[in-house]
Amino acid sequence: PGAVLLASGVTRFAGVTGAGLVDATVPRTKASARAGAHGAQTARVAFQETYPMGGAPHMGQLTDTLRADFTRNARAFDKMTLLTFRLNQAAARGRGACIKKPLAKILDLVWLQMIIGAEIPGSVECGPGLRLPHGGRGLIINANTVIGSNVTLYHRVTLGMSGHDPSNVPMLGDDVYVGTGASLIGGITVGDGAKIGAGAVVVKDVPANATALGVPAVNR
């Protein structure tokens, strides 16, 4: 029963295509890098379509998202973090929000904040297949961050805001890898298939399939 309750709010993003879809609010300062982040753009569109206010996810969406996440996370410890995040994602949306939201907040407080020491708000827009090695320990993600599909985030990664503009946050495409302790700050875009090295501090766009290393990070 507990697993069913945890899973009740999870929805899927898989199957939503739209490489050409671009959120009008995204700055076009570096078109080449942003053009490479189709996965993040698609994740944002899919998230907004899947979670319309007043709507509710159906079981097929739930099953597909869980399958995609769990396929890339073998340990029960990691899966628990993902379950908590996905429940929190859906808790404030759809029918029964007044019941789901308090339960999700309690689980978030106990598991993510107290045990894992992470901050992964439910407002984060994230595609399926998220991989969190080591259960996402110390992971800090800004509430407005957009993450594509099949992204890997190691422990102690920070995806943070720069300045006072809440939209000035990172956008990650599909198949992005972010190593231990890396910090991605501000309104940057990390293109599909890019890799961020452990401990890197990224403050500029990373093109698709590039590797960013160092402090500050340099694209290679």
N, C-alpha and C. Protein backbone atom coordinates (compact mmCIF):
# COMPACT_ATOMS: atom_id res chain seq x y z
N PRO A 1 0.82 -1.21 0.00
CA PRO A 1 0.00 0.00 0.00
C PRO A 1 0.85 1.26 0.00
N GLY A 2 1.98 1.22 0.76
CA GLY A 2 2.85 2.39 0.80
C GLY A 2 3.44 2.71 -0.55
N ALA A 3 3.85 1.66 -1.27
CA ALA A 3 4.45 1.87 -2.59
C ALA A 3 3.44 2.45 -3.55
N VAL A 4 2.18 1.98 -3.45
CA VAL A 4 1.12 2.50 -4.32
C VAL A 4 0.88 3.96 -4.02
N LEU A 5 0.87 4.32 -2.73
CA LEU A 5 0.66 5.71 -2.36
C LEU A 5 1.78 6.59 -2.88
N LEU A 6 3.03 6.12 -2.74
CA LEU A 6 4.16 6.90 -3.21
C LEU A 6 4.09 7.09 -4.72
N ALA A 7 3.65 6.05 -5.40
CA ALA A 7 3.66 6.08 -6.86
C ALA A 7 2.48 6.83 -7.44
N SER A 8 1.45 7.13 -6.64
CA SER A 8 0.19 7.64 -7.16
C SER A 8 0.32 8.96 -7.90
N GLY A 9 1.33 9.74 -7.57
CA GLY A 9 1.45 11.04 -8.22
C GLY A 9 2.45 11.10 -9.34
N VAL A 10 3.10 10.01 -9.65
CA VAL A 10 4.18 10.06 -10.62
C VAL A 10 3.62 10.06 -12.03
N THR A 11 4.18 10.87 -12.92
CA THR A 11 3.74 10.88 -14.32
C THR A 11 4.95 10.72 -15.21
N ARG A 12 4.70 10.51 -16.51
CA ARG A 12 5.83 10.27 -17.40
C ARG A 12 5.98 11.40 -18.40
N PHE A 13 7.19 11.50 -18.92
CA PHE A 13 7.48 12.46 -19.96
C PHE A 13 7.86 11.74 -21.25
N ALA A 14 8.11 10.42 -21.18
CA ALA A 14 8.55 9.67 -22.34
C ALA A 14 7.49 9.74 -23.43
N GLY A 15 7.94 9.72 -24.67
CA GLY A 15 7.03 9.71 -25.79
C GLY A 15 6.66 11.10 -26.27
N VAL A 16 7.02 12.14 -25.53
CA VAL A 16 6.72 13.49 -25.96
C VAL A 16 7.89 13.99 -26.79
N THR A 17 7.65 14.28 -28.03
CA THR A 17 8.73 14.75 -28.90
C THR A 17 8.56 16.23 -29.14
N GLY A 18 9.60 16.84 -29.67
CA GLY A 18 9.51 18.26 -29.98
C GLY A 18 10.86 18.91 -29.93
N ALA A 19 11.81 18.38 -30.67
CA ALA A 19 13.16 18.95 -30.66
C ALA A 19 13.15 20.40 -31.11
N GLY A 20 12.13 20.75 -31.91
CA GLY A 20 12.09 22.11 -32.40
C GLY A 20 11.34 23.05 -31.48
N LEU A 21 10.77 22.55 -30.39
CA LEU A 21 10.01 23.39 -29.49
C LEU A 21 10.97 24.16 -28.60
N VAL A 22 10.79 25.46 -28.52
CA VAL A 22 11.66 26.30 -27.70
C VAL A 22 10.81 27.16 -26.81
N ASP A 23 11.08 27.17 -25.50
CA ASP A 23 10.35 28.00 -24.56
C ASP A 23 10.67 29.46 -24.84
N ALA A 24 9.63 30.26 -25.00
CA ALA A 24 9.83 31.66 -25.37
C ALA A 24 10.53 32.45 -24.28
N THR A 25 10.56 31.94 -23.06
CA THR A 25 11.18 32.68 -21.97
C THR A 25 12.68 32.46 -21.91
N VAL A 26 13.23 31.52 -22.68
CA VAL A 26 14.66 31.22 -22.63
C VAL A 26 15.43 32.25 -23.42
N PRO A 27 16.43 32.90 -22.82
CA PRO A 27 17.23 33.89 -23.55
C PRO A 27 17.94 33.26 -24.74
N ARG A 28 18.09 34.01 -25.81
CA ARG A 28 18.73 33.51 -27.02
C ARG A 28 20.14 34.06 -27.15
N THR A 29 20.83 34.27 -26.05
CA THR A 29 22.13 34.89 -26.09
C THR A 29 23.18 34.02 -26.77
N LYS A 30 23.03 32.68 -26.66
CA LYS A 30 24.00 31.78 -27.28
C LYS A 30 23.23 30.68 -27.99
N ALA A 31 22.80 31.01 -29.21
CA ALA A 31 21.88 30.14 -29.93
C ALA A 31 22.44 28.76 -30.18
N SER A 32 23.73 28.65 -30.46
CA SER A 32 24.29 27.35 -30.80
C SER A 32 24.20 26.38 -29.64
N ALA A 33 24.51 26.83 -28.43
CA ALA A 33 24.45 25.95 -27.27
C ALA A 33 23.02 25.60 -26.95
N ARG A 34 22.13 26.58 -27.03
CA ARG A 34 20.74 26.33 -26.68
C ARG A 34 20.09 25.41 -27.72
N ALA A 35 20.52 25.50 -28.97
CA ALA A 35 19.99 24.62 -29.99
C ALA A 35 20.35 23.17 -29.70
N GLY A 36 21.43 22.94 -28.95
CA GLY A 36 21.85 21.59 -28.63
C GLY A 36 21.15 21.00 -27.44
N ALA A 37 20.32 21.78 -26.76
CA ALA A 37 19.65 21.30 -25.55
C ALA A 37 18.19 20.98 -25.83
N HIS A 38 17.94 20.27 -26.92
CA HIS A 38 16.57 19.92 -27.27
C HIS A 38 15.89 19.14 -26.15
N GLY A 39 16.65 18.30 -25.46
CA GLY A 39 16.07 17.48 -24.42
C GLY A 39 15.47 18.30 -23.30
N ALA A 40 16.15 19.37 -22.90
CA ALA A 40 15.63 20.22 -21.84
C ALA A 40 14.39 20.97 -22.30
N GLN A 41 14.40 21.44 -23.55
CA GLN A 41 13.22 22.12 -24.07
C GLN A 41 12.03 21.16 -24.07
N THR A 42 12.26 19.94 -24.52
CA THR A 42 11.19 18.95 -24.57
C THR A 42 10.70 18.61 -23.18
N ALA A 43 11.61 18.51 -22.22
CA ALA A 43 11.22 18.21 -20.85
C ALA A 43 10.28 19.27 -20.30
N ARG A 44 10.59 20.54 -20.60
CA ARG A 44 9.73 21.62 -20.10
C ARG A 44 8.33 21.53 -20.71
N VAL A 45 8.25 21.34 -22.02
CA VAL A 45 6.96 21.24 -22.69
C VAL A 45 6.19 20.04 -22.17
N ALA A 46 6.87 18.90 -22.04
CA ALA A 46 6.22 17.67 -21.57
C ALA A 46 5.71 17.83 -20.15
N PHE A 47 6.51 18.47 -19.30
CA PHE A 47 6.11 18.68 -17.92
C PHE A 47 4.84 19.49 -17.84
N GLN A 48 4.77 20.57 -18.60
CA GLN A 48 3.61 21.45 -18.54
C GLN A 48 2.36 20.79 -19.13
N GLU A 49 2.55 19.93 -20.12
CA GLU A 49 1.41 19.22 -20.69
C GLU A 49 0.92 18.10 -19.79
N THR A 50 1.86 17.45 -19.08
CA THR A 50 1.51 16.31 -18.26
C THR A 50 0.88 16.72 -16.94
N TYR A 51 1.24 17.90 -16.44
CA TYR A 51 0.73 18.38 -15.16
C TYR A 51 -0.15 19.61 -15.31
N PRO A 52 -1.22 19.56 -16.10
CA PRO A 52 -2.10 20.72 -16.17
C PRO A 52 -2.78 20.91 -14.81
N MET A 53 -2.94 22.15 -14.37
CA MET A 53 -3.59 22.39 -13.09
C MET A 53 -5.01 21.82 -13.13
N GLY A 54 -5.36 21.03 -12.14
CA GLY A 54 -6.68 20.42 -12.08
C GLY A 54 -6.74 19.07 -12.74
N GLY A 55 -5.69 18.70 -13.50
CA GLY A 55 -5.66 17.40 -14.14
C GLY A 55 -5.07 16.35 -13.23
N ALA A 56 -5.09 15.10 -13.66
CA ALA A 56 -4.52 14.02 -12.84
C ALA A 56 -3.85 13.01 -13.74
N PRO A 57 -2.70 12.51 -13.34
CA PRO A 57 -2.00 11.50 -14.14
C PRO A 57 -2.72 10.17 -14.11
N HIS A 58 -2.57 9.39 -15.18
CA HIS A 58 -3.18 8.06 -15.17
C HIS A 58 -2.09 7.01 -14.94
N MET A 59 -2.50 5.77 -14.71
CA MET A 59 -1.57 4.73 -14.29
C MET A 59 -0.52 4.41 -15.34
N GLY A 60 -0.87 4.54 -16.63
CA GLY A 60 0.10 4.28 -17.67
C GLY A 60 1.27 5.23 -17.61
N GLN A 61 0.99 6.51 -17.36
CA GLN A 61 2.06 7.50 -17.23
C GLN A 61 2.93 7.18 -16.02
N LEU A 62 2.31 6.82 -14.94
CA LEU A 62 3.02 6.47 -13.72
C LEU A 62 3.98 5.31 -13.95
N THR A 63 3.50 4.26 -14.56
CA THR A 63 4.30 3.06 -14.76
C THR A 63 5.51 3.32 -15.65
N ASP A 64 5.31 4.08 -16.72
CA ASP A 64 6.40 4.34 -17.65
C ASP A 64 7.51 5.17 -17.02
N THR A 65 7.14 6.17 -16.23
CA THR A 65 8.15 7.00 -15.59
C THR A 65 8.94 6.20 -14.56
N LEU A 66 8.26 5.42 -13.76
CA LEU A 66 8.94 4.59 -12.76
C LEU A 66 9.87 3.59 -13.43
N ARG A 67 9.41 2.98 -14.52
CA ARG A 67 10.24 2.01 -15.22
C ARG A 67 11.50 2.67 -15.76
N ALA A 68 11.34 3.86 -16.35
CA ALA A 68 12.50 4.56 -16.91
C ALA A 68 13.50 4.95 -15.82
N ASP A 69 13.00 5.43 -14.69
CA ASP A 69 13.87 5.81 -13.59
C ASP A 69 14.56 4.59 -12.97
N PHE A 70 13.78 3.57 -12.69
CA PHE A 70 14.32 2.40 -11.98
C PHE A 70 15.29 1.59 -12.84
N THR A 71 15.11 1.63 -14.16
CA THR A 71 16.03 0.92 -15.04
C THR A 71 17.45 1.45 -14.88
N ARG A 72 17.59 2.72 -14.58
CA ARG A 72 18.90 3.34 -14.46
C ARG A 72 19.38 3.47 -13.01
N ASN A 73 18.60 2.95 -12.07
CA ASN A 73 18.96 3.01 -10.66
C ASN A 73 18.69 1.65 -10.01
N ALA A 74 19.74 0.88 -9.83
CA ALA A 74 19.56 -0.50 -9.38
C ALA A 74 19.28 -0.61 -7.88
N ARG A 75 19.84 0.29 -7.08
CA ARG A 75 19.73 0.15 -5.64
C ARG A 75 18.42 0.71 -5.10
N ALA A 76 17.88 0.02 -4.09
CA ALA A 76 16.64 0.48 -3.46
C ALA A 76 16.82 1.86 -2.84
N PHE A 77 18.01 2.14 -2.34
CA PHE A 77 18.31 3.43 -1.73
C PHE A 77 18.11 4.56 -2.74
N ASP A 78 18.62 4.36 -3.95
CA ASP A 78 18.50 5.37 -5.00
C ASP A 78 17.04 5.50 -5.45
N LYS A 79 16.36 4.37 -5.54
CA LYS A 79 14.96 4.38 -5.97
C LYS A 79 14.07 5.13 -4.99
N MET A 80 14.39 5.02 -3.71
CA MET A 80 13.59 5.72 -2.71
C MET A 80 13.69 7.23 -2.89
N THR A 81 14.88 7.71 -3.20
CA THR A 81 15.04 9.14 -3.45
C THR A 81 14.22 9.57 -4.66
N LEU A 82 14.24 8.75 -5.71
CA LEU A 82 13.47 9.09 -6.91
C LEU A 82 11.97 9.04 -6.66
N LEU A 83 11.52 8.06 -5.89
CA LEU A 83 10.10 7.99 -5.54
C LEU A 83 9.66 9.24 -4.79
N THR A 84 10.49 9.66 -3.86
CA THR A 84 10.17 10.86 -3.08
C THR A 84 10.08 12.08 -3.98
N PHE A 85 11.05 12.21 -4.88
CA PHE A 85 11.05 13.35 -5.80
C PHE A 85 9.84 13.33 -6.72
N ARG A 86 9.53 12.17 -7.31
CA ARG A 86 8.41 12.10 -8.25
C ARG A 86 7.07 12.36 -7.55
N LEU A 87 6.93 11.88 -6.33
CA LEU A 87 5.71 12.15 -5.59
C LEU A 87 5.58 13.64 -5.32
N ASN A 88 6.68 14.25 -4.92
CA ASN A 88 6.69 15.68 -4.65
C ASN A 88 6.37 16.48 -5.90
N GLN A 89 6.84 15.98 -7.06
CA GLN A 89 6.56 16.63 -8.33
C GLN A 89 5.07 16.75 -8.59
N ALA A 90 4.36 15.68 -8.32
CA ALA A 90 2.95 15.61 -8.68
C ALA A 90 2.01 16.03 -7.56
N ALA A 91 2.50 16.17 -6.34
CA ALA A 91 1.63 16.35 -5.17
C ALA A 91 0.75 17.59 -5.25
N ALA A 92 1.29 18.68 -5.76
CA ALA A 92 0.53 19.93 -5.78
C ALA A 92 -0.36 20.06 -7.01
N ARG A 93 -0.34 19.05 -7.87
CA ARG A 93 -1.09 19.11 -9.12
C ARG A 93 -2.11 17.98 -9.19
N GLY A 94 -3.21 18.25 -9.85
CA GLY A 94 -4.19 17.19 -10.04
C GLY A 94 -5.13 17.04 -8.86
N ARG A 95 -5.98 16.04 -8.94
CA ARG A 95 -6.99 15.80 -7.93
C ARG A 95 -6.36 15.28 -6.64
N GLY A 96 -6.97 15.67 -5.53
CA GLY A 96 -6.49 15.19 -4.24
C GLY A 96 -5.23 15.87 -3.76
N ALA A 97 -4.92 17.05 -4.32
CA ALA A 97 -3.69 17.74 -3.93
C ALA A 97 -3.67 18.08 -2.44
N CYS A 98 -4.83 18.38 -1.88
CA CYS A 98 -4.89 18.75 -0.46
C CYS A 98 -4.47 17.59 0.44
N ILE A 99 -4.58 16.35 -0.07
CA ILE A 99 -4.16 15.18 0.70
C ILE A 99 -2.72 14.79 0.34
N LYS A 100 -2.43 14.81 -0.96
CA LYS A 100 -1.11 14.37 -1.42
C LYS A 100 0.01 15.31 -0.98
N LYS A 101 -0.26 16.61 -0.99
CA LYS A 101 0.81 17.57 -0.73
C LYS A 101 1.38 17.43 0.69
N PRO A 102 0.56 17.35 1.75
CA PRO A 102 1.14 17.18 3.09
C PRO A 102 1.94 15.89 3.22
N LEU A 103 1.44 14.80 2.63
CA LEU A 103 2.17 13.53 2.70
C LEU A 103 3.51 13.63 1.99
N ALA A 104 3.50 14.27 0.83
CA ALA A 104 4.75 14.43 0.08
C ALA A 104 5.73 15.30 0.84
N LYS A 105 5.25 16.34 1.48
CA LYS A 105 6.12 17.23 2.23
C LYS A 105 6.76 16.52 3.42
N ILE A 106 6.00 15.66 4.08
CA ILE A 106 6.54 14.90 5.21
C ILE A 106 7.64 13.96 4.73
N LEU A 107 7.36 13.25 3.63
CA LEU A 107 8.36 12.33 3.08
C LEU A 107 9.60 13.08 2.63
N ASP A 108 9.39 14.24 2.00
CA ASP A 108 10.51 15.07 1.55
C ASP A 108 11.36 15.51 2.74
N LEU A 109 10.72 15.93 3.81
CA LEU A 109 11.44 16.39 4.99
C LEU A 109 12.25 15.27 5.62
N VAL A 110 11.62 14.10 5.77
CA VAL A 110 12.28 13.00 6.46
C VAL A 110 13.36 12.36 5.61
N TRP A 111 13.00 11.98 4.36
CA TRP A 111 13.95 11.22 3.55
C TRP A 111 14.99 12.12 2.87
N LEU A 112 14.50 13.10 2.10
CA LEU A 112 15.44 13.90 1.32
C LEU A 112 16.26 14.86 2.19
N GLN A 113 15.58 15.63 3.03
CA GLN A 113 16.29 16.67 3.76
C GLN A 113 17.05 16.15 4.98
N MET A 114 16.42 15.26 5.76
CA MET A 114 17.06 14.82 6.99
C MET A 114 18.02 13.64 6.79
N ILE A 115 17.62 12.67 5.97
CA ILE A 115 18.44 11.47 5.79
C ILE A 115 19.46 11.65 4.66
N ILE A 116 19.01 12.12 3.51
CA ILE A 116 19.88 12.26 2.34
C ILE A 116 20.65 13.59 2.36
N GLY A 117 20.05 14.60 2.97
CA GLY A 117 20.69 15.92 2.97
C GLY A 117 20.64 16.58 1.62
N ALA A 118 19.52 16.41 0.91
CA ALA A 118 19.38 16.96 -0.44
C ALA A 118 18.18 17.89 -0.52
N GLU A 119 18.21 18.76 -1.53
CA GLU A 119 17.07 19.63 -1.83
C GLU A 119 16.72 19.43 -3.30
N ILE A 120 15.61 18.70 -3.53
CA ILE A 120 15.15 18.43 -4.89
C ILE A 120 13.66 18.79 -4.94
N PRO A 121 13.33 20.06 -5.11
CA PRO A 121 11.93 20.51 -5.07
C PRO A 121 11.06 19.83 -6.12
N GLY A 122 9.79 19.68 -5.81
CA GLY A 122 8.86 19.07 -6.74
C GLY A 122 8.59 19.93 -7.96
N SER A 123 8.94 21.20 -7.91
CA SER A 123 8.71 22.09 -9.06
C SER A 123 9.76 21.93 -10.14
N VAL A 124 10.83 21.17 -9.87
CA VAL A 124 11.85 20.91 -10.89
C VAL A 124 11.22 20.17 -12.06
N GLU A 125 11.45 20.65 -13.27
CA GLU A 125 10.91 20.02 -14.47
C GLU A 125 11.94 19.02 -14.99
N CYS A 126 11.61 17.75 -14.90
CA CYS A 126 12.60 16.71 -15.19
C CYS A 126 12.00 15.57 -15.99
N GLY A 127 12.69 15.17 -17.05
CA GLY A 127 12.25 14.06 -17.88
C GLY A 127 12.51 12.72 -17.22
N PRO A 128 12.13 11.62 -17.87
CA PRO A 128 12.29 10.27 -17.30
C PRO A 128 13.73 9.80 -17.36
N GLY A 129 14.02 8.72 -16.63
CA GLY A 129 15.33 8.11 -16.68
C GLY A 129 16.39 8.85 -15.89
N LEU A 130 15.98 9.61 -14.87
CA LEU A 130 16.94 10.32 -14.03
C LEU A 130 17.75 9.32 -13.21
N ARG A 131 19.07 9.46 -13.22
CA ARG A 131 19.95 8.57 -12.45
C ARG A 131 20.62 9.35 -11.34
N LEU A 132 20.49 8.85 -10.11
CA LEU A 132 21.05 9.50 -8.94
C LEU A 132 21.94 8.52 -8.18
N PRO A 133 23.18 8.32 -8.62
CA PRO A 133 24.09 7.43 -7.89
C PRO A 133 24.28 7.92 -6.46
N HIS A 134 24.41 6.99 -5.54
CA HIS A 134 24.57 7.31 -4.12
C HIS A 134 23.35 8.00 -3.54
N GLY A 135 22.19 7.77 -4.16
CA GLY A 135 20.93 8.26 -3.62
C GLY A 135 20.74 9.75 -3.67
N GLY A 136 21.58 10.46 -4.41
CA GLY A 136 21.44 11.91 -4.51
C GLY A 136 21.90 12.65 -3.26
N ARG A 137 22.79 12.06 -2.47
CA ARG A 137 23.26 12.71 -1.25
C ARG A 137 23.87 14.09 -1.55
N GLY A 138 23.44 15.08 -0.78
CA GLY A 138 23.99 16.42 -0.92
C GLY A 138 23.61 17.14 -2.19
N LEU A 139 22.66 16.62 -2.96
CA LEU A 139 22.25 17.22 -4.22
C LEU A 139 21.38 18.45 -3.96
N ILE A 140 21.73 19.57 -4.57
CA ILE A 140 20.96 20.81 -4.41
C ILE A 140 20.52 21.28 -5.79
N ILE A 141 19.20 21.33 -6.02
CA ILE A 141 18.66 21.74 -7.32
C ILE A 141 17.68 22.90 -7.11
N ASN A 142 17.90 23.99 -7.82
CA ASN A 142 16.98 25.12 -7.74
C ASN A 142 15.60 24.71 -8.23
N ALA A 143 14.59 25.29 -7.64
CA ALA A 143 13.21 24.90 -7.92
C ALA A 143 12.79 25.13 -9.36
N ASN A 144 13.46 26.02 -10.09
CA ASN A 144 13.06 26.34 -11.47
C ASN A 144 13.92 25.66 -12.53
N THR A 145 14.78 24.76 -12.11
CA THR A 145 15.67 24.08 -13.04
C THR A 145 14.90 23.18 -14.01
N VAL A 146 15.40 23.06 -15.24
CA VAL A 146 14.82 22.16 -16.24
C VAL A 146 15.85 21.10 -16.60
N ILE A 147 15.45 19.83 -16.53
CA ILE A 147 16.35 18.71 -16.77
C ILE A 147 15.73 17.78 -17.81
N GLY A 148 16.51 17.38 -18.80
CA GLY A 148 16.01 16.49 -19.85
C GLY A 148 15.93 15.03 -19.39
N SER A 149 15.89 14.11 -20.35
CA SER A 149 15.76 12.69 -20.06
C SER A 149 17.13 12.02 -19.94
N ASN A 150 17.17 10.93 -19.14
CA ASN A 150 18.37 10.10 -18.99
C ASN A 150 19.59 10.91 -18.54
N VAL A 151 19.36 11.80 -17.60
CA VAL A 151 20.44 12.62 -17.04
C VAL A 151 21.01 11.92 -15.80
N THR A 152 22.32 12.02 -15.61
CA THR A 152 22.98 11.47 -14.43
C THR A 152 23.52 12.61 -13.57
N LEU A 153 23.11 12.63 -12.30
CA LEU A 153 23.59 13.64 -11.36
C LEU A 153 24.23 12.93 -10.17
N TYR A 154 25.54 13.07 -10.03
CA TYR A 154 26.23 12.46 -8.90
C TYR A 154 26.01 13.28 -7.63
N HIS A 155 26.50 12.75 -6.52
CA HIS A 155 26.27 13.39 -5.23
C HIS A 155 27.00 14.73 -5.14
N ARG A 156 26.45 15.59 -4.31
CA ARG A 156 26.97 16.93 -4.02
C ARG A 156 26.99 17.86 -5.23
N VAL A 157 26.16 17.58 -6.22
CA VAL A 157 26.01 18.48 -7.37
C VAL A 157 25.09 19.63 -6.99
N THR A 158 25.40 20.83 -7.48
CA THR A 158 24.55 22.00 -7.27
C THR A 158 24.11 22.57 -8.61
N LEU A 159 22.81 22.73 -8.79
CA LEU A 159 22.24 23.40 -9.96
C LEU A 159 21.55 24.64 -9.41
N GLY A 160 22.23 25.78 -9.47
CA GLY A 160 21.76 26.94 -8.72
C GLY A 160 21.48 28.18 -9.54
N MET A 161 20.80 29.13 -8.89
CA MET A 161 20.41 30.41 -9.49
C MET A 161 21.53 31.42 -9.31
N SER A 162 21.62 32.34 -10.25
CA SER A 162 22.56 33.45 -10.16
C SER A 162 21.77 34.75 -10.09
N GLY A 163 22.09 35.60 -9.12
CA GLY A 163 21.37 36.85 -8.98
C GLY A 163 20.01 36.67 -8.35
N HIS A 164 19.08 37.57 -8.68
CA HIS A 164 17.76 37.55 -8.05
C HIS A 164 16.64 37.15 -9.01
N ASP A 165 17.00 36.87 -10.26
CA ASP A 165 16.00 36.47 -11.26
C ASP A 165 15.76 34.96 -11.14
N PRO A 166 14.55 34.53 -10.73
CA PRO A 166 14.28 33.10 -10.54
C PRO A 166 14.38 32.27 -11.81
N SER A 167 14.38 32.91 -12.97
CA SER A 167 14.51 32.16 -14.22
C SER A 167 15.97 32.00 -14.63
N ASN A 168 16.87 32.59 -13.88
CA ASN A 168 18.30 32.54 -14.20
C ASN A 168 18.94 31.28 -13.62
N VAL A 169 18.49 30.13 -14.14
CA VAL A 169 18.90 28.83 -13.62
C VAL A 169 19.32 27.91 -14.77
N PRO A 170 20.05 26.84 -14.46
CA PRO A 170 20.52 25.94 -15.52
C PRO A 170 19.40 25.18 -16.23
N MET A 171 19.67 24.85 -17.48
CA MET A 171 18.80 24.00 -18.29
C MET A 171 19.66 22.89 -18.88
N LEU A 172 19.35 21.64 -18.54
CA LEU A 172 20.14 20.50 -18.98
C LEU A 172 19.39 19.71 -20.05
N GLY A 173 20.08 19.33 -21.12
CA GLY A 173 19.48 18.53 -22.17
C GLY A 173 19.45 17.05 -21.83
N ASP A 174 19.17 16.21 -22.82
CA ASP A 174 19.14 14.75 -22.63
C ASP A 174 20.55 14.18 -22.48
N ASP A 175 20.65 13.06 -21.75
CA ASP A 175 21.89 12.27 -21.67
C ASP A 175 23.08 13.08 -21.13
N VAL A 176 22.80 14.04 -20.27
CA VAL A 176 23.87 14.84 -19.67
C VAL A 176 24.42 14.11 -18.44
N TYR A 177 25.74 14.18 -18.27
CA TYR A 177 26.41 13.57 -17.12
C TYR A 177 27.05 14.69 -16.30
N VAL A 178 26.75 14.73 -14.99
CA VAL A 178 27.33 15.74 -14.11
C VAL A 178 28.05 15.01 -12.97
N GLY A 179 29.37 15.20 -12.90
CA GLY A 179 30.20 14.49 -11.93
C GLY A 179 30.10 15.04 -10.51
N THR A 180 30.66 14.30 -9.58
CA THR A 180 30.61 14.61 -8.16
C THR A 180 31.07 16.03 -7.84
N GLY A 181 30.24 16.74 -7.06
CA GLY A 181 30.63 18.04 -6.56
C GLY A 181 30.64 19.17 -7.56
N ALA A 182 30.15 18.95 -8.76
CA ALA A 182 30.12 20.01 -9.77
C ALA A 182 29.06 21.05 -9.42
N SER A 183 29.31 22.30 -9.81
CA SER A 183 28.35 23.38 -9.59
C SER A 183 28.02 24.03 -10.93
N LEU A 184 26.74 24.07 -11.27
CA LEU A 184 26.28 24.73 -12.49
C LEU A 184 25.42 25.91 -12.04
N ILE A 185 25.87 27.12 -12.34
CA ILE A 185 25.26 28.31 -11.78
C ILE A 185 24.77 29.27 -12.86
N GLY A 186 23.55 29.77 -12.70
CA GLY A 186 23.01 30.80 -13.59
C GLY A 186 22.25 30.24 -14.78
N GLY A 187 21.84 31.15 -15.66
CA GLY A 187 21.00 30.77 -16.80
C GLY A 187 21.79 30.17 -17.94
N ILE A 188 22.45 29.07 -17.67
CA ILE A 188 23.26 28.40 -18.69
C ILE A 188 22.48 27.21 -19.26
N THR A 189 22.89 26.79 -20.44
CA THR A 189 22.31 25.61 -21.07
C THR A 189 23.41 24.58 -21.29
N VAL A 190 23.17 23.36 -20.88
CA VAL A 190 24.09 22.25 -21.10
C VAL A 190 23.47 21.38 -22.18
N GLY A 191 24.11 21.30 -23.32
CA GLY A 191 23.55 20.61 -24.48
C GLY A 191 23.45 19.10 -24.30
N ASP A 192 22.66 18.47 -25.15
CA ASP A 192 22.45 17.03 -25.11
C ASP A 192 23.79 16.28 -25.17
N GLY A 193 23.95 15.28 -24.31
CA GLY A 193 25.13 14.44 -24.34
C GLY A 193 26.38 15.06 -23.76
N ALA A 194 26.28 16.24 -23.17
CA ALA A 194 27.46 16.90 -22.59
C ALA A 194 27.86 16.23 -21.28
N LYS A 195 29.12 16.41 -20.91
CA LYS A 195 29.65 15.86 -19.66
C LYS A 195 30.31 16.96 -18.84
N ILE A 196 30.00 16.99 -17.55
CA ILE A 196 30.58 17.96 -16.63
C ILE A 196 31.47 17.20 -15.65
N GLY A 197 32.74 17.55 -15.60
CA GLY A 197 33.69 16.85 -14.75
C GLY A 197 33.46 17.10 -13.27
N ALA A 198 33.94 16.19 -12.43
CA ALA A 198 33.82 16.31 -10.99
C ALA A 198 34.47 17.61 -10.51
N GLY A 199 33.77 18.33 -9.65
CA GLY A 199 34.30 19.55 -9.07
C GLY A 199 34.32 20.76 -9.97
N ALA A 200 33.82 20.64 -11.19
CA ALA A 200 33.82 21.77 -12.12
C ALA A 200 32.83 22.84 -11.65
N VAL A 201 33.15 24.09 -11.97
CA VAL A 201 32.25 25.21 -11.72
C VAL A 201 31.87 25.79 -13.08
N VAL A 202 30.63 25.56 -13.49
CA VAL A 202 30.18 25.92 -14.84
C VAL A 202 29.31 27.16 -14.78
N VAL A 203 29.75 28.22 -15.46
CA VAL A 203 29.00 29.48 -15.48
C VAL A 203 28.72 29.94 -16.91
N LYS A 204 29.11 29.12 -17.90
CA LYS A 204 28.85 29.42 -19.30
C LYS A 204 28.22 28.20 -19.97
N ASP A 205 27.53 28.43 -21.09
CA ASP A 205 26.88 27.35 -21.82
C ASP A 205 27.87 26.26 -22.23
N VAL A 206 27.39 25.02 -22.23
CA VAL A 206 28.19 23.89 -22.66
C VAL A 206 27.52 23.29 -23.90
N PRO A 207 28.18 23.29 -25.05
CA PRO A 207 27.55 22.76 -26.27
C PRO A 207 27.26 21.27 -26.16
N ALA A 208 26.39 20.79 -27.03
CA ALA A 208 26.06 19.37 -27.07
C ALA A 208 27.32 18.53 -27.29
N ASN A 209 27.41 17.43 -26.53
CA ASN A 209 28.50 16.45 -26.63
C ASN A 209 29.87 16.98 -26.22
N ALA A 210 29.93 18.17 -25.63
CA ALA A 210 31.19 18.71 -25.16
C ALA A 210 31.46 18.24 -23.74
N THR A 211 32.69 18.46 -23.26
CA THR A 211 33.07 18.13 -21.89
C THR A 211 33.58 19.41 -21.23
N ALA A 212 33.04 19.71 -20.04
CA ALA A 212 33.45 20.91 -19.31
C ALA A 212 34.25 20.49 -18.08
N LEU A 213 35.46 21.03 -17.96
CA LEU A 213 36.34 20.67 -16.85
C LEU A 213 36.97 21.91 -16.25
N GLY A 214 37.21 21.88 -14.93
CA GLY A 214 37.98 22.93 -14.28
C GLY A 214 37.17 23.97 -13.55
N VAL A 215 37.90 24.94 -12.94
CA VAL A 215 37.31 26.04 -12.17
C VAL A 215 37.97 27.34 -12.62
N PRO A 216 37.25 28.22 -13.34
CA PRO A 216 35.94 27.95 -13.94
C PRO A 216 36.08 26.95 -15.08
N ALA A 217 34.99 26.30 -15.40
CA ALA A 217 35.02 25.21 -16.38
C ALA A 217 35.33 25.72 -17.79
N VAL A 218 36.10 24.92 -18.51
CA VAL A 218 36.44 25.21 -19.91
C VAL A 218 35.89 24.07 -20.76
N ASN A 219 35.23 24.40 -21.86
CA ASN A 219 34.67 23.38 -22.75
C ASN A 219 35.75 22.77 -23.62
N ARG A 220 35.68 21.43 -23.75
CA ARG A 220 36.66 20.73 -24.57
C ARG A 220 35.96 19.77 -25.52
